[in-house]
N, C-alpha and C. Protein backbone atom coordinates (compact mmCIF):
# COMPACT_ATOMS: atom_id res chain seq x y z
N MET A 1 0.85 -1.17 0.00
CA MET A 1 0.00 0.00 0.00
C MET A 1 0.90 1.23 0.00
N ALA A 2 0.79 2.04 -0.99
CA ALA A 2 1.61 3.25 -1.10
C ALA A 2 0.92 4.41 -0.41
N GLY A 3 1.67 5.31 0.16
CA GLY A 3 1.12 6.50 0.80
C GLY A 3 0.65 6.23 2.20
N LYS A 4 0.05 7.26 2.79
CA LYS A 4 -0.41 7.19 4.17
C LYS A 4 -1.77 6.49 4.24
N PHE A 5 -1.96 5.64 5.26
CA PHE A 5 -3.23 4.93 5.46
C PHE A 5 -4.31 5.91 5.90
N ASP A 6 -5.43 5.92 5.20
CA ASP A 6 -6.54 6.81 5.54
C ASP A 6 -7.70 5.95 6.05
N ALA A 7 -7.85 5.91 7.37
CA ALA A 7 -8.87 5.07 7.99
C ALA A 7 -10.28 5.46 7.57
N GLN A 8 -10.51 6.75 7.30
CA GLN A 8 -11.85 7.22 6.93
C GLN A 8 -12.30 6.64 5.60
N ASN A 9 -11.35 6.39 4.68
CA ASN A 9 -11.71 5.92 3.35
C ASN A 9 -11.32 4.47 3.08
N ALA A 10 -10.84 3.79 4.10
CA ALA A 10 -10.42 2.40 3.93
C ALA A 10 -11.63 1.48 3.89
N GLN A 11 -11.49 0.37 3.17
CA GLN A 11 -12.53 -0.64 3.18
C GLN A 11 -12.49 -1.32 4.54
N ASN A 12 -13.63 -1.83 4.97
CA ASN A 12 -13.72 -2.50 6.26
C ASN A 12 -13.25 -3.94 6.10
N LEU A 13 -11.96 -4.14 6.05
CA LEU A 13 -11.39 -5.45 5.83
C LEU A 13 -11.27 -6.23 7.13
N MET A 14 -11.70 -7.48 7.10
CA MET A 14 -11.67 -8.33 8.29
C MET A 14 -10.26 -8.46 8.87
N GLU A 15 -9.27 -8.59 8.03
CA GLU A 15 -7.90 -8.78 8.51
C GLU A 15 -7.41 -7.56 9.28
N ILE A 16 -7.73 -6.39 8.78
CA ILE A 16 -7.34 -5.15 9.47
C ILE A 16 -8.05 -5.07 10.82
N GLU A 17 -9.34 -5.40 10.83
CA GLU A 17 -10.09 -5.39 12.08
C GLU A 17 -9.49 -6.36 13.09
N LYS A 18 -9.12 -7.56 12.64
CA LYS A 18 -8.51 -8.54 13.54
C LYS A 18 -7.20 -8.01 14.11
N GLN A 19 -6.39 -7.37 13.27
CA GLN A 19 -5.12 -6.83 13.74
C GLN A 19 -5.33 -5.75 14.80
N PHE A 20 -6.31 -4.88 14.58
CA PHE A 20 -6.61 -3.85 15.58
C PHE A 20 -7.10 -4.49 16.88
N ALA A 21 -7.93 -5.52 16.77
CA ALA A 21 -8.45 -6.21 17.96
C ALA A 21 -7.32 -6.87 18.74
N VAL A 22 -6.41 -7.52 18.02
CA VAL A 22 -5.26 -8.18 18.68
C VAL A 22 -4.43 -7.14 19.41
N LYS A 23 -4.18 -6.02 18.76
CA LYS A 23 -3.39 -4.94 19.37
C LYS A 23 -4.09 -4.41 20.63
N ALA A 24 -5.40 -4.23 20.58
CA ALA A 24 -6.15 -3.74 21.74
C ALA A 24 -6.09 -4.73 22.90
N VAL A 25 -6.20 -6.02 22.61
CA VAL A 25 -6.12 -7.05 23.65
C VAL A 25 -4.72 -7.08 24.26
N GLU A 26 -3.70 -6.99 23.41
CA GLU A 26 -2.32 -6.98 23.92
C GLU A 26 -2.10 -5.78 24.84
N GLN A 27 -2.61 -4.62 24.46
CA GLN A 27 -2.46 -3.42 25.29
C GLN A 27 -3.18 -3.61 26.62
N ALA A 28 -4.37 -4.20 26.60
CA ALA A 28 -5.13 -4.45 27.84
C ALA A 28 -4.36 -5.40 28.76
N GLN A 29 -3.78 -6.46 28.19
CA GLN A 29 -3.00 -7.41 28.98
C GLN A 29 -1.77 -6.73 29.58
N THR A 30 -1.11 -5.90 28.80
CA THR A 30 0.06 -5.17 29.29
C THR A 30 -0.34 -4.25 30.45
N TYR A 31 -1.44 -3.54 30.29
CA TYR A 31 -1.89 -2.64 31.34
C TYR A 31 -2.24 -3.41 32.61
N TRP A 32 -2.92 -4.55 32.47
CA TRP A 32 -3.28 -5.35 33.65
C TRP A 32 -2.01 -5.83 34.36
N ASN A 33 -1.00 -6.23 33.59
CA ASN A 33 0.28 -6.64 34.18
C ASN A 33 0.95 -5.48 34.91
N LEU A 34 0.84 -4.28 34.36
CA LEU A 34 1.38 -3.09 35.05
C LEU A 34 0.64 -2.84 36.36
N LEU A 35 -0.69 -2.98 36.33
CA LEU A 35 -1.47 -2.79 37.55
C LEU A 35 -1.05 -3.79 38.63
N GLU A 36 -0.66 -4.97 38.20
CA GLU A 36 -0.20 -5.98 39.17
C GLU A 36 1.11 -5.56 39.82
N LYS A 37 2.03 -5.05 39.04
CA LYS A 37 3.39 -4.82 39.49
C LYS A 37 3.65 -3.44 40.10
N VAL A 38 2.86 -2.44 39.74
CA VAL A 38 3.12 -1.07 40.18
C VAL A 38 1.90 -0.53 40.92
N GLN A 39 2.15 0.11 42.06
CA GLN A 39 1.07 0.77 42.80
C GLN A 39 0.44 1.80 41.85
N PRO A 40 -0.87 1.71 41.59
CA PRO A 40 -1.49 2.57 40.59
C PRO A 40 -1.21 4.07 40.73
N ARG A 41 -1.15 4.57 41.96
CA ARG A 41 -0.90 6.01 42.15
C ARG A 41 0.49 6.41 41.65
N GLU A 42 1.40 5.45 41.53
CA GLU A 42 2.77 5.72 41.08
C GLU A 42 2.96 5.43 39.59
N LEU A 43 1.95 4.89 38.96
CA LEU A 43 2.03 4.48 37.57
C LEU A 43 1.90 5.67 36.62
N ARG A 44 2.84 5.79 35.70
CA ARG A 44 2.78 6.84 34.67
C ARG A 44 2.59 6.14 33.33
N LEU A 45 1.55 6.55 32.61
CA LEU A 45 1.24 5.93 31.33
C LEU A 45 1.81 6.69 30.15
N THR A 46 2.01 8.01 30.32
CA THR A 46 2.55 8.85 29.25
C THR A 46 3.42 9.95 29.88
N LYS A 47 4.10 10.67 29.02
CA LYS A 47 4.86 11.84 29.49
C LYS A 47 3.91 12.99 29.82
N LEU A 48 2.68 12.89 29.37
CA LEU A 48 1.69 13.95 29.54
C LEU A 48 0.65 13.64 30.61
N ASP A 49 0.93 12.71 31.51
CA ASP A 49 -0.06 12.30 32.51
C ASP A 49 -0.65 13.48 33.28
N ASP A 50 0.20 14.41 33.72
CA ASP A 50 -0.30 15.55 34.50
C ASP A 50 -1.27 16.40 33.69
N GLU A 51 -0.89 16.70 32.45
CA GLU A 51 -1.75 17.49 31.57
C GLU A 51 -3.06 16.76 31.27
N ILE A 52 -2.96 15.47 30.96
CA ILE A 52 -4.15 14.69 30.64
C ILE A 52 -5.09 14.64 31.85
N TYR A 53 -4.53 14.42 33.03
CA TYR A 53 -5.35 14.37 34.25
C TYR A 53 -6.06 15.72 34.49
N ASP A 54 -5.30 16.80 34.44
CA ASP A 54 -5.89 18.13 34.68
C ASP A 54 -6.96 18.45 33.65
N ASP A 55 -6.69 18.14 32.39
CA ASP A 55 -7.65 18.40 31.31
C ASP A 55 -8.90 17.54 31.49
N THR A 56 -8.73 16.30 31.91
CA THR A 56 -9.87 15.40 32.13
C THR A 56 -10.76 15.94 33.23
N MET A 57 -10.15 16.37 34.34
CA MET A 57 -10.93 16.89 35.46
C MET A 57 -11.66 18.18 35.08
N LYS A 58 -11.04 18.99 34.22
CA LYS A 58 -11.65 20.25 33.78
C LYS A 58 -12.76 19.98 32.75
N SER A 59 -12.49 19.07 31.82
CA SER A 59 -13.45 18.78 30.75
C SER A 59 -14.63 17.94 31.23
N PHE A 60 -14.40 17.13 32.27
CA PHE A 60 -15.44 16.23 32.79
C PHE A 60 -15.51 16.40 34.31
N PRO A 61 -16.04 17.53 34.77
CA PRO A 61 -16.06 17.79 36.21
C PRO A 61 -16.82 16.73 37.01
N GLU A 62 -17.73 16.02 36.36
CA GLU A 62 -18.45 14.95 37.06
C GLU A 62 -17.49 13.83 37.51
N PHE A 63 -16.36 13.67 36.82
CA PHE A 63 -15.36 12.69 37.23
C PHE A 63 -14.65 13.12 38.52
N ALA A 64 -14.57 14.41 38.75
CA ALA A 64 -13.85 14.95 39.91
C ALA A 64 -14.67 14.90 41.19
N GLU A 65 -15.98 14.69 41.06
CA GLU A 65 -16.86 14.70 42.22
C GLU A 65 -16.71 13.42 43.05
N ALA A 66 -16.26 13.57 44.31
CA ALA A 66 -16.14 12.43 45.22
C ALA A 66 -17.53 11.85 45.45
N PRO A 67 -17.68 10.56 45.53
CA PRO A 67 -16.68 9.50 45.58
C PRO A 67 -16.26 8.96 44.20
N HIS A 68 -16.42 9.77 43.18
CA HIS A 68 -15.94 9.46 41.83
C HIS A 68 -16.67 8.27 41.18
N ASP A 69 -17.96 8.15 41.49
CA ASP A 69 -18.75 7.04 40.94
C ASP A 69 -18.72 6.97 39.42
N LYS A 70 -18.68 8.14 38.76
CA LYS A 70 -18.70 8.16 37.28
C LYS A 70 -17.40 7.63 36.69
N LEU A 71 -16.32 7.62 37.49
CA LEU A 71 -15.05 7.03 37.04
C LEU A 71 -14.95 5.57 37.45
N VAL A 72 -15.50 5.25 38.61
CA VAL A 72 -15.46 3.86 39.08
C VAL A 72 -16.22 2.98 38.10
N LYS A 73 -17.44 3.40 37.77
CA LYS A 73 -18.28 2.62 36.84
C LYS A 73 -18.67 3.54 35.69
N LEU A 74 -18.10 3.27 34.53
CA LEU A 74 -18.36 4.09 33.35
C LEU A 74 -19.78 3.87 32.84
N ASP A 75 -20.40 4.95 32.41
CA ASP A 75 -21.75 4.91 31.85
C ASP A 75 -21.61 4.94 30.32
N GLU A 76 -21.61 3.76 29.73
CA GLU A 76 -21.43 3.65 28.29
C GLU A 76 -22.55 4.37 27.53
N ASP A 77 -23.76 4.32 28.06
CA ASP A 77 -24.88 5.02 27.40
C ASP A 77 -24.62 6.52 27.34
N TRP A 78 -24.12 7.10 28.46
CA TRP A 78 -23.80 8.53 28.44
C TRP A 78 -22.67 8.82 27.47
N MET A 79 -21.65 7.95 27.44
CA MET A 79 -20.52 8.18 26.54
C MET A 79 -20.98 8.20 25.08
N LYS A 80 -22.03 7.43 24.77
CA LYS A 80 -22.54 7.34 23.40
C LYS A 80 -23.67 8.34 23.13
N SER A 81 -24.09 9.06 24.16
CA SER A 81 -25.16 10.05 23.97
C SER A 81 -24.63 11.23 23.17
N ALA A 82 -25.52 12.06 22.67
CA ALA A 82 -25.11 13.23 21.89
C ALA A 82 -24.18 14.12 22.71
N ASP A 83 -24.54 14.38 23.97
CA ASP A 83 -23.70 15.22 24.85
C ASP A 83 -22.34 14.56 25.09
N GLY A 84 -22.37 13.28 25.44
CA GLY A 84 -21.12 12.57 25.70
C GLY A 84 -20.21 12.54 24.49
N LYS A 85 -20.78 12.22 23.33
CA LYS A 85 -19.98 12.17 22.09
C LYS A 85 -19.33 13.51 21.79
N GLU A 86 -20.10 14.58 21.92
CA GLU A 86 -19.58 15.91 21.60
C GLU A 86 -18.47 16.31 22.56
N ARG A 87 -18.66 16.07 23.84
CA ARG A 87 -17.64 16.43 24.83
C ARG A 87 -16.37 15.60 24.63
N TRP A 88 -16.55 14.31 24.39
CA TRP A 88 -15.37 13.46 24.16
C TRP A 88 -14.68 13.83 22.85
N ARG A 89 -15.45 14.13 21.82
CA ARG A 89 -14.85 14.48 20.52
C ARG A 89 -13.93 15.70 20.68
N THR A 90 -14.40 16.71 21.38
CA THR A 90 -13.61 17.92 21.62
C THR A 90 -12.34 17.57 22.38
N PHE A 91 -12.48 16.75 23.43
CA PHE A 91 -11.33 16.33 24.24
C PHE A 91 -10.32 15.55 23.39
N ILE A 92 -10.82 14.56 22.66
CA ILE A 92 -9.97 13.68 21.85
C ILE A 92 -9.18 14.48 20.82
N GLN A 93 -9.86 15.37 20.11
CA GLN A 93 -9.20 16.14 19.05
C GLN A 93 -8.08 17.04 19.59
N SER A 94 -8.18 17.45 20.83
CA SER A 94 -7.14 18.32 21.39
C SER A 94 -5.81 17.58 21.58
N TYR A 95 -5.83 16.25 21.46
CA TYR A 95 -4.61 15.45 21.63
C TYR A 95 -4.07 14.89 20.31
N GLU A 96 -4.67 15.31 19.21
CA GLU A 96 -4.28 14.80 17.89
C GLU A 96 -2.78 14.92 17.63
N LYS A 97 -2.19 16.04 17.97
CA LYS A 97 -0.78 16.26 17.69
C LYS A 97 0.11 16.02 18.90
N LYS A 98 -0.50 15.64 20.04
CA LYS A 98 0.27 15.46 21.28
C LYS A 98 0.51 14.01 21.65
N VAL A 99 -0.45 13.13 21.36
CA VAL A 99 -0.38 11.73 21.80
C VAL A 99 -0.39 10.81 20.58
N LYS A 100 0.66 10.02 20.46
CA LYS A 100 0.75 9.06 19.36
C LYS A 100 -0.42 8.08 19.44
N ASP A 101 -1.00 7.79 18.29
CA ASP A 101 -2.11 6.84 18.21
C ASP A 101 -3.27 7.22 19.13
N TYR A 102 -3.49 8.52 19.31
CA TYR A 102 -4.52 9.03 20.22
C TYR A 102 -5.91 8.48 19.93
N ASN A 103 -6.17 8.16 18.66
CA ASN A 103 -7.52 7.69 18.31
C ASN A 103 -7.58 6.20 17.99
N PHE A 104 -6.51 5.45 18.27
CA PHE A 104 -6.54 4.00 18.10
C PHE A 104 -7.48 3.40 19.14
N GLY A 105 -8.03 2.27 18.83
CA GLY A 105 -8.93 1.59 19.75
C GLY A 105 -8.20 0.96 20.91
N SER A 106 -8.81 1.05 22.08
CA SER A 106 -8.28 0.45 23.31
C SER A 106 -9.45 -0.16 24.07
N LEU A 107 -9.15 -1.19 24.84
CA LEU A 107 -10.15 -1.79 25.70
C LEU A 107 -10.02 -1.19 27.09
N ILE A 108 -11.15 -0.90 27.70
CA ILE A 108 -11.13 -0.36 29.06
C ILE A 108 -12.16 -1.10 29.90
N ARG A 109 -11.86 -1.24 31.17
CA ARG A 109 -12.81 -1.86 32.10
C ARG A 109 -13.90 -0.85 32.44
N THR A 110 -15.14 -1.25 32.32
CA THR A 110 -16.23 -0.33 32.65
C THR A 110 -16.32 -0.13 34.16
N ASP A 111 -15.94 -1.13 34.93
CA ASP A 111 -15.95 -1.05 36.40
C ASP A 111 -14.53 -1.21 36.91
N ALA A 112 -14.00 -0.17 37.54
CA ALA A 112 -12.61 -0.18 38.01
C ALA A 112 -12.37 -1.20 39.12
N ARG A 113 -13.43 -1.70 39.73
CA ARG A 113 -13.29 -2.65 40.84
C ARG A 113 -13.12 -4.09 40.35
N GLN A 114 -13.22 -4.28 39.03
CA GLN A 114 -13.14 -5.63 38.48
C GLN A 114 -12.05 -5.73 37.42
N GLU A 115 -11.69 -6.97 37.10
CA GLU A 115 -10.68 -7.18 36.07
C GLU A 115 -11.33 -7.13 34.68
N TYR A 116 -10.48 -7.17 33.66
CA TYR A 116 -10.99 -7.23 32.29
C TYR A 116 -11.81 -8.50 32.12
N GLY A 117 -12.91 -8.41 31.43
CA GLY A 117 -13.75 -9.56 31.16
C GLY A 117 -14.79 -9.18 30.11
N GLU A 118 -15.47 -10.17 29.61
CA GLU A 118 -16.43 -9.96 28.51
C GLU A 118 -17.51 -8.94 28.87
N THR A 119 -17.97 -8.97 30.12
CA THR A 119 -19.05 -8.07 30.52
C THR A 119 -18.55 -6.79 31.17
N ASN A 120 -17.23 -6.65 31.29
CA ASN A 120 -16.67 -5.48 31.96
C ASN A 120 -15.70 -4.72 31.05
N THR A 121 -15.89 -4.81 29.76
CA THR A 121 -14.96 -4.20 28.83
C THR A 121 -15.70 -3.51 27.70
N ILE A 122 -15.25 -2.29 27.37
CA ILE A 122 -15.77 -1.59 26.20
C ILE A 122 -14.59 -1.07 25.39
N PHE A 123 -14.87 -0.69 24.17
CA PHE A 123 -13.88 -0.17 23.24
C PHE A 123 -13.92 1.35 23.28
N VAL A 124 -12.77 1.98 23.49
CA VAL A 124 -12.66 3.45 23.50
C VAL A 124 -11.42 3.84 22.70
N THR A 125 -11.21 5.13 22.52
CA THR A 125 -9.97 5.57 21.87
C THR A 125 -8.83 5.55 22.89
N ARG A 126 -7.62 5.54 22.39
CA ARG A 126 -6.45 5.50 23.27
C ARG A 126 -6.44 6.68 24.26
N ILE A 127 -6.77 7.88 23.79
CA ILE A 127 -6.74 9.04 24.69
C ILE A 127 -7.86 8.96 25.73
N GLN A 128 -8.99 8.36 25.39
CA GLN A 128 -10.03 8.14 26.40
C GLN A 128 -9.52 7.16 27.46
N PHE A 129 -8.85 6.10 27.00
CA PHE A 129 -8.27 5.14 27.93
C PHE A 129 -7.31 5.86 28.88
N TYR A 130 -6.40 6.67 28.32
CA TYR A 130 -5.45 7.39 29.16
C TYR A 130 -6.17 8.32 30.14
N ALA A 131 -7.13 9.07 29.65
CA ALA A 131 -7.85 10.03 30.49
C ALA A 131 -8.51 9.32 31.68
N ILE A 132 -9.19 8.24 31.41
CA ILE A 132 -9.93 7.53 32.45
C ILE A 132 -8.98 6.78 33.39
N GLU A 133 -8.03 6.05 32.83
CA GLU A 133 -7.15 5.26 33.69
C GLU A 133 -6.16 6.11 34.49
N ILE A 134 -5.65 7.17 33.91
CA ILE A 134 -4.78 8.08 34.67
C ILE A 134 -5.57 8.66 35.84
N SER A 135 -6.81 9.06 35.58
CA SER A 135 -7.67 9.60 36.64
C SER A 135 -7.95 8.55 37.71
N ARG A 136 -8.29 7.35 37.29
CA ARG A 136 -8.54 6.28 38.26
C ARG A 136 -7.30 6.02 39.11
N ASN A 137 -6.15 6.00 38.48
CA ASN A 137 -4.90 5.75 39.22
C ASN A 137 -4.63 6.86 40.23
N ARG A 138 -4.72 8.10 39.79
CA ARG A 138 -4.42 9.25 40.66
C ARG A 138 -5.35 9.31 41.87
N LEU A 139 -6.60 8.92 41.66
CA LEU A 139 -7.62 9.02 42.71
C LEU A 139 -7.71 7.76 43.57
N GLY A 140 -6.84 6.78 43.30
CA GLY A 140 -6.84 5.55 44.10
C GLY A 140 -7.95 4.57 43.73
N LEU A 141 -8.61 4.79 42.61
CA LEU A 141 -9.74 3.94 42.22
C LEU A 141 -9.30 2.61 41.63
N ASN A 142 -8.03 2.47 41.30
CA ASN A 142 -7.51 1.20 40.78
C ASN A 142 -6.74 0.41 41.85
N ASP A 143 -6.78 0.86 43.10
CA ASP A 143 -6.07 0.13 44.15
C ASP A 143 -6.62 -1.29 44.31
N GLY A 144 -7.94 -1.43 44.22
CA GLY A 144 -8.56 -2.76 44.31
C GLY A 144 -8.15 -3.65 43.15
N ALA A 145 -8.08 -3.08 41.95
CA ALA A 145 -7.66 -3.85 40.78
C ALA A 145 -6.21 -4.30 40.95
N HIS A 146 -5.39 -3.45 41.54
CA HIS A 146 -3.99 -3.79 41.83
C HIS A 146 -3.93 -5.04 42.70
N GLU A 147 -4.76 -5.07 43.74
CA GLU A 147 -4.78 -6.23 44.65
C GLU A 147 -5.31 -7.48 43.94
N ILE A 148 -6.34 -7.32 43.11
CA ILE A 148 -6.88 -8.45 42.34
C ILE A 148 -5.79 -9.01 41.42
N ALA A 149 -5.10 -8.13 40.70
CA ALA A 149 -4.06 -8.55 39.76
C ALA A 149 -2.91 -9.25 40.49
N LYS A 150 -2.52 -8.73 41.65
CA LYS A 150 -1.45 -9.37 42.44
C LYS A 150 -1.87 -10.76 42.90
N ALA A 151 -3.09 -10.89 43.39
CA ALA A 151 -3.60 -12.18 43.85
C ALA A 151 -3.68 -13.18 42.70
N GLU A 152 -4.14 -12.70 41.56
CA GLU A 152 -4.24 -13.54 40.37
C GLU A 152 -2.85 -14.05 39.95
N ALA A 153 -1.87 -13.16 39.97
CA ALA A 153 -0.50 -13.53 39.59
C ALA A 153 0.09 -14.54 40.58
N ALA A 154 -0.17 -14.34 41.86
CA ALA A 154 0.33 -15.27 42.88
C ALA A 154 -0.30 -16.66 42.69
N LYS A 155 -1.59 -16.68 42.37
CA LYS A 155 -2.30 -17.95 42.14
C LYS A 155 -1.72 -18.67 40.92
N GLU A 156 -1.48 -17.90 39.84
CA GLU A 156 -0.90 -18.49 38.63
C GLU A 156 0.50 -19.04 38.90
N LYS A 157 1.29 -18.31 39.68
CA LYS A 157 2.64 -18.74 40.01
C LYS A 157 2.60 -20.04 40.83
N ALA A 158 1.71 -20.10 41.80
CA ALA A 158 1.57 -21.31 42.64
C ALA A 158 1.16 -22.50 41.79
N GLN A 159 0.25 -22.27 40.84
CA GLN A 159 -0.20 -23.36 39.96
C GLN A 159 0.94 -23.85 39.07
N LYS A 160 1.75 -22.93 38.55
CA LYS A 160 2.90 -23.31 37.71
C LYS A 160 3.90 -24.13 38.51
N GLU A 161 4.14 -23.71 39.76
CA GLU A 161 5.07 -24.46 40.61
C GLU A 161 4.53 -25.85 40.90
N LYS A 162 3.24 -25.94 41.14
CA LYS A 162 2.58 -27.22 41.40
C LYS A 162 2.71 -28.13 40.17
N ASP A 163 2.44 -27.57 38.97
CA ASP A 163 2.55 -28.32 37.73
C ASP A 163 3.99 -28.78 37.48
N LEU A 164 4.94 -27.91 37.81
CA LEU A 164 6.35 -28.25 37.64
C LEU A 164 6.73 -29.40 38.56
N GLN A 165 6.26 -29.37 39.79
CA GLN A 165 6.55 -30.46 40.74
C GLN A 165 5.95 -31.78 40.25
N LYS A 166 4.74 -31.73 39.72
CA LYS A 166 4.09 -32.93 39.15
C LYS A 166 4.93 -33.49 38.00
N ALA A 167 5.37 -32.60 37.13
CA ALA A 167 6.17 -33.02 35.97
C ALA A 167 7.48 -33.65 36.42
N LYS A 168 8.11 -33.08 37.43
CA LYS A 168 9.37 -33.63 37.95
C LYS A 168 9.14 -35.01 38.55
N LYS A 169 8.06 -35.18 39.31
CA LYS A 169 7.73 -36.47 39.90
C LYS A 169 7.50 -37.50 38.82
N LYS A 170 6.73 -37.12 37.81
CA LYS A 170 6.39 -38.02 36.71
C LYS A 170 7.67 -38.43 35.96
N ASN A 171 8.52 -37.48 35.67
CA ASN A 171 9.77 -37.78 34.96
C ASN A 171 10.72 -38.59 35.81
N GLY A 172 10.68 -38.41 37.11
CA GLY A 172 11.55 -39.17 38.03
C GLY A 172 11.12 -40.62 38.12
N LYS A 173 9.82 -40.89 37.96
CA LYS A 173 9.30 -42.25 38.05
C LYS A 173 9.49 -43.03 36.76
N SER A 174 9.56 -42.34 35.63
CA SER A 174 9.64 -43.00 34.33
C SER A 174 10.93 -43.72 34.13
């Protein structure tokens, strides 16, 4: 393909869609692994975290209202409403020249208290992901997810060690 890729005029090819989906899943897995290893309040996702956080709180004051219910549990219907779309569109476009892949698709958890899953995941743009997750991290709303991810990793590690011991026993008997 010669020239720059124009998503607005591209055909809706299944292979391209699959590649975008794979990339979004990989990014979600990477983020979950980061939540496991780093205290969310200390996690930096971009060089612009401070700016993105401040802009998010200014553009979406309802996110700043304690106890931050609108950030803990995202309202997908509001995000897709005329008001939500317009406010997000304005926010997203302001990062066009600042954040690489600002409008690429990303998966986000609708409920910050739970892990990624079929019923707890929606598709958003990369800058929406940053805006919401940076805010959740700064406000301590991902602390529970951090504990879930750590417990999950410890369980997986214990299972691997158990499987390894079984394999050693089996090989020793053969």
